Protein backbone atom coordinates (compact mmCIF):
# COMPACT_ATOMS: atom_id res chain seq x y z
CA MET A 1 39.60 -13.01 40.78
CA ALA A 2 36.30 -13.11 39.27
CA LYS A 3 33.65 -13.67 41.68
CA ARG A 4 31.32 -16.33 40.69
CA LEU A 5 27.55 -16.13 40.47
CA ALA A 6 24.95 -19.03 39.63
CA ILE A 7 21.59 -18.34 37.95
CA ALA A 8 18.83 -20.51 37.69
CA LYS A 9 14.85 -19.89 36.88
CA PHE A 10 11.90 -22.66 38.04
CA ALA A 11 9.09 -20.55 37.76
CA HIS A 12 5.41 -22.31 37.79
CA GLU A 13 2.26 -20.57 38.68
CA SER A 14 0.36 -24.02 40.00
CA ASN A 15 -3.63 -24.09 39.78
CA SER A 16 -4.89 -26.53 41.94
CA PHE A 17 -8.41 -27.17 39.57
CA THR A 18 -6.53 -27.25 36.29
CA PRO A 19 -7.06 -30.80 35.01
CA GLY A 20 -3.96 -32.79 34.86
CA GLU A 21 -0.22 -32.48 36.43
CA THR A 22 2.57 -30.07 34.65
CA CYS A 23 4.95 -32.34 33.25
CA ASP A 24 8.67 -32.10 31.38
CA ALA A 25 7.09 -31.20 28.27
CA ASP A 26 5.26 -28.33 29.26
CA PHE A 27 8.62 -26.98 30.91
CA HIS A 28 10.01 -27.91 27.31
CA ALA A 29 7.31 -26.12 25.52
CA TYR A 30 7.61 -22.95 27.42
CA GLY A 31 11.55 -22.90 27.56
CA TRP A 32 14.31 -24.97 28.72
CA HIS A 33 17.53 -23.48 28.64
CA ARG A 34 20.94 -23.81 30.30
CA GLY A 35 24.43 -22.71 29.90
CA ASP A 36 25.74 -20.44 26.83
CA GLU A 37 21.84 -21.30 25.19
CA ALA A 38 20.03 -19.52 28.02
CA ALA A 39 22.41 -16.58 27.45
CA VAL A 40 21.55 -16.86 23.77
CA HIS A 41 17.81 -17.22 24.35
CA TYR A 42 17.61 -14.74 26.63
CA SER A 43 19.51 -11.86 25.39
CA GLY A 44 18.36 -8.91 24.32
CA THR A 45 14.59 -9.89 25.78
CA ARG A 46 12.90 -7.72 28.84
CA THR A 47 12.89 -10.64 30.54
CA SER A 48 14.18 -11.82 33.87
CA ILE A 49 17.20 -13.36 32.35
CA GLY A 50 17.45 -10.85 29.97
CA ALA A 51 17.80 -8.35 32.91
CA ALA A 52 20.63 -10.65 34.41
CA ILE A 53 22.49 -10.86 31.36
CA ASP A 54 22.38 -6.90 30.36
CA PHE A 55 23.44 -6.30 34.84
CA LEU A 56 25.94 -8.74 34.38
CA GLY A 57 27.86 -7.36 31.32
CA LEU A 58 27.81 -4.09 33.29
CA HIS A 59 29.50 -6.16 35.97
CA PRO A 60 33.04 -7.98 34.28
CA GLU A 61 34.34 -8.65 37.79
CA TRP A 62 31.25 -10.82 37.90
CA GLN A 63 31.30 -14.45 36.35
CA GLU A 64 28.03 -16.32 35.63
CA THR A 65 27.11 -19.18 35.17
CA PHE A 66 23.71 -20.10 33.51
CA LEU A 67 21.99 -23.60 35.63
CA ILE A 68 18.56 -24.81 34.40
CA CYS A 69 16.63 -21.70 32.98
CA THR A 70 13.02 -23.42 33.27
CA ALA A 71 9.08 -22.34 33.25
CA ALA A 72 5.94 -23.59 32.09
CA ASN A 73 2.42 -22.08 31.39
CA PRO A 74 0.22 -21.99 34.39
CA ALA A 75 -1.69 -25.47 34.86
CA GLY A 76 -2.24 -28.11 37.31
CA PRO A 77 0.64 -28.74 39.84
CA VAL A 78 3.87 -29.86 38.79
CA ALA A 79 4.21 -33.65 38.65
CA ASP A 80 6.66 -34.94 41.29
CA ALA A 81 9.19 -36.53 38.81
CA THR A 82 9.29 -33.37 36.84
CA PHE A 83 10.15 -30.80 40.02
CA GLU A 84 12.88 -33.54 41.06
CA ARG A 85 14.91 -33.61 38.25
CA ILE A 86 14.47 -29.83 37.46
CA MET A 87 15.81 -29.54 41.10
CA GLY A 88 18.13 -32.14 40.49
CA GLU A 89 19.54 -30.34 37.78
CA ILE A 90 20.08 -27.24 40.08
CA LEU A 91 21.30 -28.92 43.03
CA GLY A 92 24.14 -30.99 40.41
CA GLY A 93 25.14 -27.52 38.93
CA LEU A 94 26.00 -26.09 42.79
CA ARG A 95 27.72 -29.03 44.24
CA GLY A 96 31.01 -29.23 44.63
CA GLN A 97 31.96 -26.02 43.50
CA THR A 98 32.57 -22.37 45.43
CA TRP A 99 29.95 -19.53 44.69
CA ASP A 100 29.99 -16.13 45.73
CA ALA A 101 26.34 -15.79 45.35
CA VAL A 102 22.88 -17.66 43.82
CA TYR A 103 20.40 -15.78 42.27
CA LEU A 104 17.35 -18.23 41.69
CA CYS A 105 13.92 -16.41 39.50
CA LEU A 106 11.03 -18.01 40.78
CA HIS A 107 7.26 -17.30 40.67
CA GLY A 108 5.94 -17.72 44.37
CA ALA A 109 2.99 -19.65 43.86
CA MET A 110 3.94 -23.15 42.60
CA LEU A 111 2.56 -26.64 43.91
CA ARG A 112 4.18 -30.00 43.51
CA ALA A 113 1.95 -32.86 43.74
CA GLY A 114 3.38 -33.91 46.58
CA ASN A 115 3.93 -30.42 48.24
CA PRO A 116 1.45 -27.57 48.61
CA LYS A 117 4.70 -25.16 49.72
CA ALA A 118 7.13 -25.99 46.69
CA ASP A 119 8.94 -22.67 45.94
CA GLU A 120 9.69 -23.01 50.24
CA GLU A 121 11.46 -26.36 49.59
CA ILE A 122 13.38 -24.73 46.36
CA ILE A 123 14.71 -22.13 48.62
CA ASP A 124 15.34 -24.71 51.25
CA ARG A 125 17.01 -27.36 49.24
CA VAL A 126 19.45 -24.85 47.69
CA ARG A 127 20.61 -23.42 51.16
CA GLN A 128 21.32 -26.79 52.22
CA VAL A 129 23.63 -27.61 49.31
CA VAL A 130 25.54 -23.56 49.20
CA GLY A 131 25.08 -23.10 52.88
CA ARG A 132 26.04 -19.79 53.90
CA THR A 133 26.29 -18.10 50.48
CA PRO A 134 23.96 -15.17 49.92
CA ILE A 135 20.83 -16.32 47.68
CA GLY A 136 18.98 -13.56 45.94
CA VAL A 137 15.31 -14.47 44.80
CA SER A 138 12.97 -12.68 42.68
CA TYR A 139 9.07 -13.18 42.70
CA ASP A 140 6.02 -12.62 40.78
CA LEU A 141 3.36 -10.25 42.09
CA HIS A 142 0.97 -13.08 42.54
CA GLY A 143 3.44 -15.22 44.60
CA ASN A 144 1.83 -17.03 47.60
CA LEU A 145 4.54 -16.30 50.28
CA GLY A 146 5.34 -18.07 54.09
CA GLU A 147 7.81 -16.55 56.37
CA ALA A 148 10.22 -19.12 56.03
CA GLN A 149 11.08 -18.00 51.99
CA VAL A 150 12.27 -14.74 53.26
CA LYS A 151 13.86 -15.90 56.00
CA ASN A 152 15.88 -18.48 53.81
CA ALA A 153 16.62 -15.88 51.13
CA THR A 154 19.84 -13.24 51.77
CA VAL A 155 17.31 -10.87 49.72
CA ALA A 156 14.08 -10.86 47.66
CA VAL A 157 11.94 -8.56 45.34
CA GLY A 158 8.92 -8.65 43.79
CA TYR A 159 6.87 -7.17 40.78
CA LYS A 160 5.45 -4.45 41.49
CA THR A 161 3.12 -3.79 38.32
CA HIS A 162 0.15 -5.95 36.79
CA PRO A 163 0.00 -6.59 34.01
CA HIS A 164 4.14 -7.49 34.44
CA VAL A 165 6.17 -5.17 32.57
CA ASP A 166 8.67 -4.78 35.27
CA MET A 167 10.03 -8.61 35.34
CA TYR A 168 13.00 -6.96 33.77
CA GLU A 169 13.70 -4.30 36.54
CA THR A 170 12.92 -6.34 39.31
CA THR A 171 15.78 -8.60 38.33
CA GLU A 172 18.06 -5.78 37.81
CA LYS A 173 17.18 -4.51 41.65
CA THR A 174 17.69 -8.43 43.07
CA LEU A 175 20.94 -8.59 41.46
CA ARG A 176 21.85 -5.02 42.49
CA LEU A 177 21.07 -5.68 46.00
CA LEU A 178 22.38 -9.12 45.92
CA ILE A 179 25.98 -8.28 44.68
CA GLY A 180 25.90 -5.21 47.04
CA THR A 181 25.46 -7.55 49.59
CA VAL A 182 28.48 -9.73 48.77
CA GLU A 183 30.73 -6.62 48.00
CA GLY A 184 29.58 -4.85 51.80
CA ARG A 185 27.28 -2.45 50.87
CA PHE A 186 24.06 -3.71 52.30
CA ARG A 187 23.10 -5.50 55.27
CA PRO A 188 19.88 -6.50 54.28
CA VAL A 189 17.15 -8.15 56.73
CA GLY A 190 13.73 -9.32 55.77
CA ALA A 191 10.57 -9.39 57.32
CA PHE A 192 7.36 -10.44 56.29
CA ALA A 193 3.37 -10.28 57.31
CA ARG A 194 0.17 -12.07 56.13
CA VAL A 195 -2.72 -10.23 55.01
CA GLU A 196 -5.49 -12.66 55.85
CA ALA A 197 -7.50 -12.52 53.08
CA LEU A 198 -8.11 -14.46 49.85
CA LEU A 199 -7.84 -11.75 47.19
CA PRO A 200 -9.39 -12.65 43.61
CA SER A 201 -6.53 -11.70 41.01
CA PHE A 202 -9.07 -10.31 38.27
CA ASN A 203 -9.09 -6.93 40.05
CA MET A 204 -4.88 -6.79 41.07
CA ARG A 205 -4.48 -4.40 38.03
CA THR A 206 -1.63 -1.57 39.21
CA THR A 207 -2.69 0.60 35.98
CA GLY A 208 -5.38 3.32 36.78
CA ASP A 209 -6.65 3.37 40.39
CA GLY A 210 -7.84 0.33 42.45
CA PRO A 211 -6.99 -1.59 45.75
CA MET A 212 -3.83 -2.98 44.10
CA ALA A 213 -2.27 0.28 42.54
CA GLU A 214 -3.39 2.16 45.81
CA LEU A 215 -1.37 -0.63 47.70
CA GLU A 216 1.81 -0.14 45.17
CA ALA A 217 2.04 3.85 45.74
CA ILE A 218 1.80 3.21 49.77
CA ALA A 219 4.63 0.30 49.79
CA ALA A 220 6.61 2.82 47.36
CA GLU A 221 6.10 5.81 49.84
CA ALA A 222 7.12 3.69 52.72
CA GLU A 223 10.07 2.28 50.92
CA LYS A 224 11.24 6.03 50.17
CA ARG A 225 10.53 7.79 53.07
CA HIS A 226 12.38 5.17 55.57
CA GLY A 227 15.37 4.19 53.34
CA LEU A 228 14.38 0.53 52.47
CA LEU A 229 16.08 -1.58 50.66
CA ASP A 230 12.66 -2.88 49.20
CA VAL A 231 9.14 -3.03 50.00
CA THR A 232 6.86 -5.54 47.91
CA VAL A 233 3.19 -6.13 48.33
CA PHE A 234 1.93 -9.87 47.19
CA GLY A 235 -1.98 -10.18 46.28
CA GLY A 236 -1.42 -14.16 45.86
CA PHE A 237 -2.96 -16.84 43.84
CA PRO A 238 -6.07 -17.65 45.04
CA TYR A 239 -6.04 -20.87 42.60
CA ALA A 240 -2.91 -22.50 44.27
CA ASP A 241 -4.73 -24.33 46.89
CA THR A 242 -1.80 -23.91 49.46
CA PRO A 243 -1.35 -23.07 53.23
CA TYR A 244 0.29 -19.85 52.14
CA ALA A 245 -2.34 -18.73 49.97
CA GLY A 246 -3.50 -15.16 50.43
CA GLY A 247 -1.97 -11.54 50.03
CA SER A 248 1.19 -10.70 51.93
CA VAL A 249 3.77 -8.04 52.28
CA MET A 250 7.77 -8.67 52.21
CA VAL A 251 9.88 -5.90 53.56
CA HIS A 252 14.11 -5.62 53.14
CA ALA A 253 15.80 -3.20 55.28
CA ASP A 254 19.23 -2.32 55.80
CA GLY A 255 20.43 -3.70 58.91
CA ASP A 256 17.05 -2.52 60.90
CA ALA A 257 15.19 -5.49 61.32
CA ALA A 258 12.54 -3.97 63.95
CA LEU A 259 12.06 -1.33 60.71
CA ALA A 260 11.81 -3.81 58.39
CA GLU A 261 8.99 -5.65 60.69
CA ARG A 262 7.15 -2.56 61.46
CA VAL A 263 6.43 -1.53 57.91
CA ALA A 264 5.85 -5.11 56.95
CA ARG A 265 2.98 -5.13 59.53
CA GLU A 266 1.55 -1.57 58.36
CA VAL A 267 1.39 -2.03 54.57
CA ALA A 268 -0.13 -5.41 55.22
CA ALA A 269 -2.96 -3.59 57.62
CA GLU A 270 -3.65 -1.32 54.36
CA ALA A 271 -3.80 -4.32 52.33
CA LEU A 272 -6.56 -5.56 54.72
CA LYS A 273 -8.29 -2.74 55.21
CA ARG A 274 -8.69 -2.70 50.93
CA ALA A 275 -9.68 -7.00 50.58
CA PRO A 276 -13.52 -6.12 50.36
CA ARG A 277 -12.80 -3.86 47.24
CA PHE A 278 -10.81 -6.86 45.15
CA GLN A 279 -14.22 -8.36 45.15
CA VAL A 280 -16.32 -7.76 42.05
CA GLU A 281 -18.86 -9.33 39.84
CA LEU A 282 -18.69 -9.54 35.85
CA PRO A 283 -21.37 -10.20 33.25
CA SER A 284 -21.71 -13.42 31.76
CA ALA A 285 -20.27 -14.24 28.37
CA GLU A 286 -23.94 -13.53 26.91
CA GLU A 287 -24.04 -10.27 28.51
CA ALA A 288 -20.77 -9.22 27.81
CA ILE A 289 -20.88 -10.04 23.96
CA ARG A 290 -23.75 -8.02 24.03
CA GLN A 291 -22.13 -4.58 25.65
CA ALA A 292 -19.22 -5.16 23.23
CA LEU A 293 -21.33 -4.97 20.66
CA ALA A 294 -23.35 -1.97 21.50
CA SER A 295 -20.39 -0.04 22.32
CA PRO A 296 -18.90 3.00 20.41
CA PRO A 297 -17.08 1.87 16.88
CA GLY A 298 -13.85 1.15 17.54
CA VAL A 299 -12.49 -2.61 18.33
CA ALA A 300 -14.25 -4.08 21.29
CA VAL A 301 -12.58 -7.07 22.97
CA VAL A 302 -14.49 -9.82 25.17
CA LEU A 303 -11.97 -11.51 27.67
CA GLU A 304 -12.90 -14.63 28.91
CA ASN A 305 -10.80 -14.60 32.31
CA SER A 306 -11.78 -18.10 33.57
CA ASP A 307 -10.08 -19.85 30.85
CA ASN A 308 -7.05 -17.87 30.81
CA PRO A 309 -3.80 -19.67 30.63
CA GLY A 310 -2.02 -17.44 32.13
CA SER A 311 -3.89 -17.83 35.63
CA GLY A 312 -4.29 -22.02 34.35
CA GLY A 313 -6.70 -22.04 31.81
CA ILE A 314 -6.61 -24.92 29.55
CA GLY A 315 -7.93 -23.55 26.03
CA ASP A 316 -10.80 -25.50 25.97
CA THR A 317 -14.24 -24.11 28.04
CA THR A 318 -17.00 -23.34 25.67
CA GLY A 319 -18.89 -20.75 27.63
CA LEU A 320 -17.60 -17.32 25.47
CA PHE A 321 -16.81 -19.58 22.16
CA GLY A 322 -21.05 -20.81 22.73
CA ALA A 323 -22.40 -17.51 23.17
CA LEU A 324 -20.30 -16.17 20.60
CA MET A 325 -21.90 -18.69 18.02
CA VAL A 326 -25.54 -18.10 19.37
CA ALA A 327 -24.99 -14.40 18.82
CA LYS A 328 -23.80 -14.92 15.07
CA PRO A 329 -22.06 -11.39 14.95
CA LYS A 330 -22.45 -9.56 11.59
CA VAL A 331 -19.05 -8.07 12.29
CA PRO A 332 -15.09 -8.93 11.29
CA THR A 333 -14.89 -11.31 14.43
CA ALA A 334 -11.99 -12.93 15.78
CA PHE A 335 -11.81 -15.81 19.12
CA ALA A 336 -8.26 -16.73 20.12
CA PHE A 337 -8.23 -19.55 21.15
CA PHE A 338 -8.73 -23.02 21.61
CA ARG A 339 -6.06 -25.60 22.19
CA ASP A 340 -6.67 -28.48 20.18
CA GLU A 341 -3.62 -30.53 19.08
CA ALA A 342 -5.38 -33.43 16.91
CA LEU A 343 -7.70 -31.04 15.26
CA VAL A 344 -4.76 -28.61 14.23
CA ALA A 345 -2.85 -31.78 12.66
CA LYS A 346 -6.18 -32.52 10.87
CA ALA A 347 -6.30 -29.06 9.39
CA HIS A 348 -2.74 -28.99 8.53
CA ALA A 349 -3.34 -32.45 6.66
CA ALA A 350 -6.55 -31.13 4.94
CA GLY A 351 -4.67 -28.15 3.73
CA VAL A 352 -5.98 -24.18 3.45
CA GLY A 353 -9.26 -24.45 1.65
CA ALA A 354 -10.68 -27.60 2.85
CA THR A 355 -13.87 -27.78 4.96
CA LEU A 356 -14.34 -29.22 7.89
CA ASP A 357 -17.03 -30.64 10.27
CA VAL A 358 -15.53 -30.41 13.71
CA SER A 359 -16.35 -30.24 17.70
CA LEU A 360 -14.48 -26.95 19.24
CA GLY A 361 -13.70 -27.40 23.09
CA GLY A 362 -14.96 -29.57 25.58
CA ARG A 363 -11.77 -32.02 24.94
CA ILE A 364 -10.28 -31.97 28.06
CA SER A 365 -13.31 -31.77 30.35
CA ALA A 366 -17.17 -31.34 29.64
CA ARG A 367 -17.45 -29.77 33.07
CA PHE A 368 -16.68 -26.10 31.88
CA GLY A 369 -19.15 -26.43 28.85
CA ASP A 370 -20.07 -29.13 26.23
CA PRO A 371 -18.05 -29.05 22.97
CA VAL A 372 -19.69 -27.02 20.28
CA PRO A 373 -20.26 -28.46 16.65
CA VAL A 374 -19.47 -26.12 13.95
CA ARG A 375 -18.24 -26.08 10.02
CA GLY A 376 -15.31 -24.56 9.32
CA LYS A 377 -12.81 -23.64 6.10
CA VAL A 378 -8.90 -23.92 6.63
CA THR A 379 -8.02 -20.71 5.95
CA MET A 380 -4.15 -20.44 7.07
CA LEU A 381 -2.21 -22.67 8.74
CA THR A 382 1.12 -21.78 10.38
CA ASP A 383 4.59 -23.03 12.59
CA GLY A 384 3.25 -20.74 15.33
CA ARG A 385 6.42 -19.18 16.21
CA PHE A 386 6.80 -15.58 16.76
CA ARG A 387 8.58 -12.83 18.93
CA ASN A 388 6.48 -10.65 21.40
CA VAL A 389 6.32 -6.82 20.22
CA GLY A 390 5.87 -6.12 23.74
CA PRO A 391 5.70 -4.19 26.19
CA MET A 392 5.80 -7.97 28.35
CA SER A 393 8.38 -9.88 27.61
CA THR A 394 9.48 -7.64 24.57
CA ASN A 395 11.41 -9.83 22.01
CA LEU A 396 11.19 -13.20 23.33
CA GLU A 397 10.72 -15.94 20.82
CA VAL A 398 6.83 -17.67 22.02
CA ASP A 399 5.96 -20.89 20.46
CA LEU A 400 2.64 -22.38 20.03
CA GLY A 401 3.14 -25.37 18.43
CA HIS A 402 1.54 -25.83 15.12
CA THR A 403 -1.60 -23.30 14.29
CA ALA A 404 -4.68 -23.40 11.94
CA VAL A 405 -7.13 -20.86 11.53
CA LEU A 406 -10.98 -21.63 10.90
CA ASP A 407 -13.74 -19.39 9.36
CA VAL A 408 -16.65 -20.31 10.99
CA ASP A 409 -19.73 -18.37 10.03
CA ARG A 410 -17.11 -15.31 9.41
CA VAL A 411 -15.76 -15.75 13.08
CA LYS A 412 -11.84 -16.58 12.63
CA VAL A 413 -10.88 -19.41 15.21
CA ILE A 414 -7.06 -19.85 16.04
CA LEU A 415 -6.43 -23.35 16.61
CA THR A 416 -3.09 -24.15 18.46
CA GLU A 417 -1.21 -27.21 20.12
CA HIS A 418 0.07 -25.24 23.01
CA CYS A 419 -1.64 -23.36 25.45
CA LEU A 420 -0.50 -19.60 25.82
CA THR A 421 -2.46 -16.70 26.65
CA PRO A 422 -2.72 -14.36 23.31
CA ASN A 423 -1.00 -11.65 25.17
CA ASP A 424 0.77 -10.03 22.41
CA PRO A 425 -0.37 -8.95 18.81
CA GLY A 426 1.80 -11.16 17.62
CA PHE A 427 -0.51 -13.93 18.28
CA LEU A 428 -3.06 -12.47 16.10
CA LEU A 429 -0.59 -10.86 13.22
CA MET A 430 0.93 -14.58 12.76
CA HIS A 431 -2.24 -15.66 11.55
CA GLY A 432 -3.50 -12.40 8.91
CA ILE A 433 -5.51 -10.93 11.46
CA ASP A 434 -4.86 -7.10 12.35
CA PRO A 435 -6.65 -6.52 15.66
CA ALA A 436 -6.62 -2.66 14.20
CA LYS A 437 -9.37 -3.66 11.68
CA LEU A 438 -11.28 -6.21 13.91
CA ARG A 439 -14.78 -4.84 15.24
CA LEU A 440 -15.10 -7.89 18.28
CA LEU A 441 -12.27 -9.83 19.48
CA CYS A 442 -12.82 -12.73 21.83
CA VAL A 443 -10.23 -13.66 23.55
CA LYS A 444 -9.34 -16.29 26.74
CA ALA A 445 -7.27 -13.82 28.43
CA LYS A 446 -7.38 -11.46 31.64
CA ASN A 447 -5.14 -8.50 32.67
CA HIS A 448 -1.88 -9.35 31.22
CA PHE A 449 -3.58 -8.88 27.67
CA ARG A 450 -4.20 -5.30 28.58
CA ALA A 451 -0.69 -4.06 28.48
CA ALA A 452 -0.55 -4.69 24.61
CA PHE A 453 -3.88 -4.57 23.33
CA THR A 454 -5.01 -1.24 25.23
CA PRO A 455 -4.06 1.03 22.42
CA TYR A 456 -6.29 -0.94 19.83
CA ALA A 457 -9.59 -1.58 21.98
CA THR A 458 -11.91 1.13 22.41
CA THR A 459 -14.16 -1.09 24.56
CA MET A 460 -12.98 -4.43 27.10
CA VAL A 461 -15.29 -6.35 28.32
CA ASP A 462 -14.59 -8.98 30.92
CA CYS A 463 -17.05 -11.65 31.49
CA ASP A 464 -17.38 -14.89 33.84
CA SER A 465 -17.88 -17.89 32.99
CA PRO A 466 -17.29 -21.89 33.80
CA GLY A 467 -13.45 -22.69 34.05
CA PRO A 468 -10.84 -23.28 36.40
CA ALA A 469 -10.00 -19.64 36.76
CA ALA A 470 -13.38 -18.55 37.11
CA LEU A 471 -13.61 -15.36 38.93
CA SER A 472 -16.15 -16.47 41.78
CA LEU A 473 -13.95 -19.16 44.33
CA LYS A 474 -17.12 -20.19 45.93
CA HIS A 475 -17.26 -23.11 43.44
CA PHE A 476 -13.72 -24.46 44.37
CA LYS A 477 -13.09 -27.18 47.01
CA PHE A 478 -9.81 -26.19 48.77
CA ARG A 479 -8.09 -28.35 51.30
CA HIS A 480 -4.67 -26.40 52.27
CA VAL A 481 -6.39 -22.87 52.18
CA PRO A 482 -6.92 -21.94 56.08
CA VAL A 483 -10.32 -22.78 56.75
CA ALA A 484 -10.89 -18.74 57.74
CA LEU A 485 -9.81 -17.92 54.46
CA ARG A 486 -12.26 -19.85 52.51
CA PRO A 487 -15.34 -18.28 50.60
């Protein structure tokens, strides 16, 4: 008789300083699938659920059931009603049935309006329903974890790369350890150690050199040397105001709790030594554009980290765009993007070729910059759907809602209904913009962008400007982060 595995995804990276809450519509916009629909949607994709589908295809002795699989783009804390609705689906699907194992795809930095430790609550409530049934959990590298999350899961694994190009491999490993535990091949015991430092997420790339790359190498060496099941270093997500903010280390050993505890403490000590190196400074938007235009021939990119939707940005701040309008570049230039549903509708109503006098940005909050008045010509309208070409979430369908392109003083400005980071070349290509033919590309993005665009760009310049994910944490008023960790 086939063993039964329940699969659920409930993932969100919550930014306490993004205006508003994350509601049902935000999860539906990003992906809301269950049962056979989930299997069809994620099949053939380099995603967590795609990995589960492929893994179970190799293990016909297991029968999977997809409960709700949903996520939302990073934004404000999840509304309590939305949280309860999604949890209701997960728990309702688990109740009254016998399961051999449960796999949860979480982020690790979710907040709900009524609880700054939402991921912990998810595992707690699932554990209450399934009792001693083994639970496997996968996490994002930016998770803010607490010890209870490690203890209440049977086994857990986190991403090792940033940009996150190993989400597929992370789920594959989680399921291998989970199923191996059920079948008696592993006896996982977890340990947790906190890194007493609030680390800016900008300098957490694992490519090249840098503190996070060094820590991943240290963790991998310790895992191999001691024969551990997994060692994960979490950089944390500093914009989530939670008692669990800051870096941490999670270790799982095969039956040796003392070894897991020792390695967790050792790797956490190495992380704390490197904490000062996560602190960097970035140029202003004006200076970043100047550097980009003065760079060697080729495609120069300016990244506006502070409004990166992947960190809780709102697609509405005007620091970089305002500087771009002042600079008036005389070279092929594109700006991605502004989220403005009303303006997209206006452009679609006016049609291609229409000239519009409009204001861009500053619509959701003037706190991050005033609107910029422009005159632009509508050059393209789309339905906003494309598939990622990778290497992140390869082949996953993306829905930006309806979109439009305005030509503003020879700058191609992309407008969207949904707020999603332009991390994939498909974002530009669907709008008739070949990134290889640009001289200057200004984007609301951060580290994940580099995974796909490094082959196109000869120069990348990050800038800091006002926004809900600004580099400097000194401007944010924390309530739950431990006082000793606050900037």
